[in-house]
Amino acid sequence: MEKTGSTYAPTNDLTIFEATDFRNSLVTLLSQDGPITVDLSHVHQIDSSCIQILLAAHRSGRLTVAGISEQFRLKATQLGCRELIGN
């Protein structure tokens, strides 16, 4: 996973198996000042565990999600997390 300034760009999958590392990365970023963008354009698969982590971080008011795939859009909508996709 690559961190660039205030943009965090995980790669590969974000599933229950990566959830702890993903959460820890977001906690570290949120402990710093300024807005944060999570770029999901290189994520192949995301499950509800990581969507919940994203939602919790998003509710800090400092995190936005970019690089949203149609799969992510559909899952977020099904889980009632449309605020993550900006609609």
Foldseek 3Di string as FASTA:
>chain_A
DDDDDQEAEDAEEAEPVCLVVLLVVLVVSVVDDAAHEYEDLRYDYYDPSNVVSVLVSVVVVRYAYHNDDPVNCVRCVVVVNNVNVVD
